Structures are given as structure tokens and as C-alpha cells.
Amino acid sequence: MTEKARVRDGRCATTRNLLASEAIMALVFFGTDPNSGGGNCPAVWVDTDTAKGPELVLQGKFADATTRAACGQDSPPADDEGIVRIPLSMVEQIRRACDAAEAAGTQL
């Protein structure tokens, strides 16, 4: 999995992602939207250090009110949840992140 993770500023994702408490999160960066033009949002990571096993972490633009309302009819978000839009151009990065998370399972 680490060979697929990108290194930025000479540091791996695990080193870059410090919590306020100075603990290191085990985030593995898989990429940003190739069409973003700025190398930023949207983006995808895998968090390898959760109690329930690997999870995807997604960064994207907040959905508009109409989209949030439509999504809320099927699955109302909890207070600590949000709805974001991720473009199709992110499919490759998300697929790689899903494959890596699935392969890692709960062995991490």
C-alpha cells in the first residue's frame, strides 16, 4: 500500500497528518482530482488506524441545499456528518484507496 501512497514535501501522509494532540494519524494519501488544477480538493485517503479497520477519508465540495435535501430523504445525515460531491475523475484514486483498504482489512 505504501508504494502507491504519494509523498508530498518529502513527508509521507502519516508524518503530515498530525492531530492537535500531536498523535500521528495513519492516513495514506491516494490522490487528488487530476482536473483540480491546484493539486487539492477533492482528495482521498485511507485511515489505517481505526478500531473497526481501515476507512476511506474523502475531501470534497459541500453539496448544495437541494442535493442535501434529496439525499436526506434516503439517509438523513447525523449532526457530525456531511454530504460532499466527488467528481467522476476521482474514480481511479478512490478505487485504488478502496482496494488498499480492503486488502489491509483489520490486520493493521
C-alpha atoms as a PDB file:
ATOM      1  CA  MET A   1       0.000   0.000   0.000  1.00  0.00           C
ATOM      2  CA  THR A   2       2.775   2.475   0.838  1.00  0.00           C
ATOM      3  CA  GLU A   3       4.287   2.320  -2.636  1.00  0.00           C
ATOM      4  CA  LYS A   4       1.002   3.649  -4.020  1.00  0.00           C
ATOM      5  CA  ALA A   5       0.787   6.430  -1.449  1.00  0.00           C
ATOM      6  CA  ARG A   6       2.039   9.804  -2.589  1.00  0.00           C
ATOM      7  CA  VAL A   7       4.784  11.695  -0.845  1.00  0.00           C
ATOM      8  CA  ARG A   8       4.475  15.459  -0.604  1.00  0.00           C
ATOM      9  CA  ASP A   9       7.103  17.876   0.708  1.00  0.00           C
ATOM     10  CA  GLY A  10       9.390  14.911   1.375  1.00  0.00           C
ATOM     11  CA  ARG A  11       6.995  13.550   4.015  1.00  0.00           C
ATOM     12  CA  CYS A  12       4.568  10.652   3.832  1.00  0.00           C
ATOM     13  CA  ALA A  13       0.906  11.103   4.732  1.00  0.00           C
ATOM     14  CA  THR A  14       1.410   9.597   8.177  1.00  0.00           C
ATOM     15  CA  THR A  15       4.006  12.215   9.021  1.00  0.00           C
ATOM     16  CA  ARG A  16       1.981  15.105   7.569  1.00  0.00           C
ATOM     17  CA  ASN A  17      -1.257  14.379   9.381  1.00  0.00           C
ATOM     18  CA  LEU A  18      -0.744  15.336  12.996  1.00  0.00           C
ATOM     19  CA  LEU A  19      -3.673  15.706  15.343  1.00  0.00           C
ATOM     20  CA  ALA A  20      -3.873  18.642  17.719  1.00  0.00           C
ATOM     21  CA  SER A  21      -2.759  16.261  20.481  1.00  0.00           C
ATOM     22  CA  GLU A  22       0.417  15.561  18.453  1.00  0.00           C
ATOM     23  CA  ALA A  23      -0.603  11.931  17.888  1.00  0.00           C
ATOM     24  CA  ILE A  24       0.072  10.712  14.374  1.00  0.00           C
ATOM     25  CA  MET A  25      -2.877   9.570  12.274  1.00  0.00           C
ATOM     26  CA  ALA A  26      -2.214   6.687   9.924  1.00  0.00           C
ATOM     27  CA  LEU A  27      -3.568   8.370   6.801  1.00  0.00           C
ATOM     28  CA  VAL A  28      -2.325   7.079   3.454  1.00  0.00           C
ATOM     29  CA  PHE A  29      -2.822   9.613   0.657  1.00  0.00           C
ATOM     30  CA  PHE A  30      -4.064   8.281  -2.694  1.00  0.00           C
ATOM     31  CA  GLY A  31      -4.543  11.428  -4.721  1.00  0.00           C
ATOM     32  CA  THR A  32      -6.454  14.498  -5.699  1.00  0.00           C
ATOM     33  CA  ASP A  33      -8.719  15.240  -8.629  1.00  0.00           C
ATOM     34  CA  PRO A  34      -6.486  15.295 -11.720  1.00  0.00           C
ATOM     35  CA  ASN A  35      -8.703  18.104 -13.021  1.00  0.00           C
ATOM     36  CA  SER A  36      -8.408  20.322  -9.927  1.00  0.00           C
ATOM     37  CA  GLY A  37      -5.576  22.368 -11.389  1.00  0.00           C
ATOM     38  CA  GLY A  38      -4.215  23.100  -7.933  1.00  0.00           C
ATOM     39  CA  GLY A  39      -3.438  19.636  -6.638  1.00  0.00           C
ATOM     40  CA  ASN A  40      -6.026  19.923  -3.890  1.00  0.00           C
ATOM     41  CA  CYS A  41      -9.742  19.274  -3.351  1.00  0.00           C
ATOM     42  CA  PRO A  42     -11.211  16.750  -3.858  1.00  0.00           C
ATOM     43  CA  ALA A  43      -8.886  14.155  -2.362  1.00  0.00           C
ATOM     44  CA  VAL A  44      -8.935  10.631  -0.936  1.00  0.00           C
ATOM     45  CA  TRP A  45      -7.035   8.901   1.887  1.00  0.00           C
ATOM     46  CA  VAL A  46      -7.277   5.607   3.756  1.00  0.00           C
ATOM     47  CA  ASP A  47      -7.157   5.806   7.555  1.00  0.00           C
ATOM     48  CA  THR A  48      -5.410   2.608   8.613  1.00  0.00           C
ATOM     49  CA  ASP A  49      -5.671   3.258  12.328  1.00  0.00           C
ATOM     50  CA  THR A  50      -9.333   2.901  13.309  1.00  0.00           C
ATOM     51  CA  ALA A  51     -10.812   0.473  15.816  1.00  0.00           C
ATOM     52  CA  LYS A  52     -13.128  -1.002  13.174  1.00  0.00           C
ATOM     53  CA  GLY A  53     -10.494  -1.379  10.456  1.00  0.00           C
ATOM     54  CA  PRO A  54      -9.467   0.804   7.507  1.00  0.00           C
ATOM     55  CA  GLU A  55     -11.797   3.633   6.433  1.00  0.00           C
ATOM     56  CA  LEU A  56     -11.854   5.968   3.462  1.00  0.00           C
ATOM     57  CA  VAL A  57     -11.442   9.675   4.164  1.00  0.00           C
ATOM     58  CA  LEU A  58     -12.803  11.939   1.421  1.00  0.00           C
ATOM     59  CA  GLN A  59     -12.398  15.675   0.881  1.00  0.00           C
ATOM     60  CA  GLY A  60     -14.780  17.401  -1.486  1.00  0.00           C
ATOM     61  CA  LYS A  61     -17.018  20.377  -2.077  1.00  0.00           C
ATOM     62  CA  PHE A  62     -20.066  20.616   0.167  1.00  0.00           C
ATOM     63  CA  ALA A  63     -23.245  19.669  -1.644  1.00  0.00           C
ATOM     64  CA  ASP A  64     -25.801  22.407  -2.251  1.00  0.00           C
ATOM     65  CA  ALA A  65     -29.032  22.621  -0.256  1.00  0.00           C
ATOM     66  CA  THR A  66     -31.113  20.886  -2.949  1.00  0.00           C
ATOM     67  CA  THR A  67     -28.711  17.919  -3.065  1.00  0.00           C
ATOM     68  CA  ARG A  68     -28.555  17.716   0.742  1.00  0.00           C
ATOM     69  CA  ALA A  69     -32.357  17.701   0.934  1.00  0.00           C
ATOM     70  CA  ALA A  70     -32.668  14.993  -1.733  1.00  0.00           C
ATOM     71  CA  CYS A  71     -30.015  12.819  -0.046  1.00  0.00           C
ATOM     72  CA  GLY A  72     -31.620  13.420   3.338  1.00  0.00           C
ATOM     73  CA  GLN A  73     -34.813  11.755   2.140  1.00  0.00           C
ATOM     74  CA  ASP A  74     -32.942   8.448   1.760  1.00  0.00           C
ATOM     75  CA  SER A  75     -30.375   8.796   4.535  1.00  0.00           C
ATOM     76  CA  PRO A  76     -30.607  11.857   6.804  1.00  0.00           C
ATOM     77  CA  PRO A  77     -27.080  12.840   7.885  1.00  0.00           C
ATOM     78  CA  ALA A  78     -26.279  12.883  11.596  1.00  0.00           C
ATOM     79  CA  ASP A  79     -25.056  16.098  13.212  1.00  0.00           C
ATOM     80  CA  ASP A  80     -21.428  15.067  12.675  1.00  0.00           C
ATOM     81  CA  GLU A  81     -21.907  14.071   9.003  1.00  0.00           C
ATOM     82  CA  GLY A  82     -21.949  15.978   5.757  1.00  0.00           C
ATOM     83  CA  ILE A  83     -22.677  15.384   2.101  1.00  0.00           C
ATOM     84  CA  VAL A  84     -19.916  16.162  -0.373  1.00  0.00           C
ATOM     85  CA  ARG A  85     -19.629  15.953  -4.131  1.00  0.00           C
ATOM     86  CA  ILE A  86     -16.811  13.921  -5.660  1.00  0.00           C
ATOM     87  CA  PRO A  87     -16.315  14.129  -9.450  1.00  0.00           C
ATOM     88  CA  LEU A  88     -16.036  11.039 -11.649  1.00  0.00           C
ATOM     89  CA  SER A  89     -12.445  11.997 -12.381  1.00  0.00           C
ATOM     90  CA  MET A  90     -11.665  10.742  -8.845  1.00  0.00           C
ATOM     91  CA  VAL A  91     -12.801   7.169  -9.575  1.00  0.00           C
ATOM     92  CA  GLU A  92      -9.273   5.839 -10.152  1.00  0.00           C
ATOM     93  CA  GLN A  93      -7.918   7.262  -6.872  1.00  0.00           C
ATOM     94  CA  ILE A  94     -10.978   6.104  -4.921  1.00  0.00           C
ATOM     95  CA  ARG A  95     -10.783   2.628  -6.470  1.00  0.00           C
ATOM     96  CA  ARG A  96      -7.109   2.320  -5.501  1.00  0.00           C
ATOM     97  CA  ALA A  97      -7.915   3.502  -1.969  1.00  0.00           C
ATOM     98  CA  CYS A  98     -10.803   1.013  -1.716  1.00  0.00           C
ATOM     99  CA  ASP A  99      -8.602  -1.837  -2.961  1.00  0.00           C
ATOM    100  CA  ALA A 100      -5.862  -0.949  -0.465  1.00  0.00           C
ATOM    101  CA  ALA A 101      -8.303  -0.643   2.444  1.00  0.00           C
ATOM    102  CA  GLU A 102      -9.962  -3.921   1.534  1.00  0.00           C
ATOM    103  CA  ALA A 103      -6.605  -5.709   1.189  1.00  0.00           C
ATOM    104  CA  ALA A 104      -5.448  -4.366   4.560  1.00  0.00           C
ATOM    105  CA  GLY A 105      -8.627  -5.497   6.300  1.00  0.00           C
ATOM    106  CA  THR A 106      -8.342  -5.461  10.057  1.00  0.00           C
ATOM    107  CA  GLN A 107      -4.724  -6.657  10.014  1.00  0.00           C
ATOM    108  CA  LEU A 108      -3.375  -3.145  10.566  1.00  0.00           C
END
